[in-house]
Amino acid sequence: MSIVEVTDLGHTYGTGRAAHTALGGLSFTVDPGELVCIVGPSGCGKSTLLRCVAGLLRPSVGSVSYRGETVTAVPADLAVVFQDYGRSLLPWRTVAGNVEFPLRDRGLSAAERAARVAEALSWVGLADAAGRRPWQLSGGMQQRVCIARALAYRPAVMLMDEPFASVDAQTRADLEDLVLKLRAEADMTVLVVTHDIDESVYLADRVVVLSRSPATVVETLKVDLAGPRDQIGTRGSEAFVRLRTEVARLIRR
């Protein structure tokens, strides 16, 4: 059974002459353990789609189901990493305090919370930064804190909304490799929204290509690249070039 199923999903903002339809009725699934990327033209409704999947926005039509149940609120074992890491972190809390914050409502003891925080920071390479404040970190390190906070929650599914759009190219490459590593080690299902074609092919098991707004699914492509993936060998391979060209063609069509 698919862990996430999107069926005929549509969403319209506003009413009357001011109405804007962002999603035009789209369907796709995500299986347990998959990493699926959603890619499409700028402004096509990718973030709206992710908010509907997360239970943060109720769609106008259609439905999202999670583990076979219709999503009406954020599922308990689902975490979201947003693009704007600067606004996602509490500046008055330490790095460890930010990672621990969502765990306070999970009925865990202080020792259990501390262990999860330490483990998550170790996963993202920030064990030595636990006592620092977010404003003392680089942009890439701040986004690592956001990822650690999601990991500490031990989600079955992690949603990522343009997670690396605001960092430099080298940091972006490092964070892409981090996601692949964590996905394997933590045995998670990951759904990533991105506007970067190369990133979608590099990360994904499948790429779901959306049309211009109001978005529909143009095509779903299986990514069959040799592993383990790396930034030099994978991106230079004939299979990678072929796939990224096909995704670009579908988006521009």
Foldseek 3Di string as FASTA:
>chain_A
DFQKWWFQFWAWPDDDPPIFTQAGTAIDTFHQLFEEEEAFDPSNCLVVVLCQQQLNDPTPDTFMAGNRHTRNHGDQQEEEQEQCLVVQADQVAFLLCRLLVVVPPVPDDPVLSSVLSCVLCVLLVNNVRRGHGLVVDDPLVSLSSSSSSSVSSLHQEYEYEQHPVPDDPVSSQVVLVSVVVCSVVSSHYYYYYHHDLLSRLQRGQKYFYWEHPNTYTQDIGGRDFDDDGHDPVRCPDPSSVVRSVVSVVSNVD
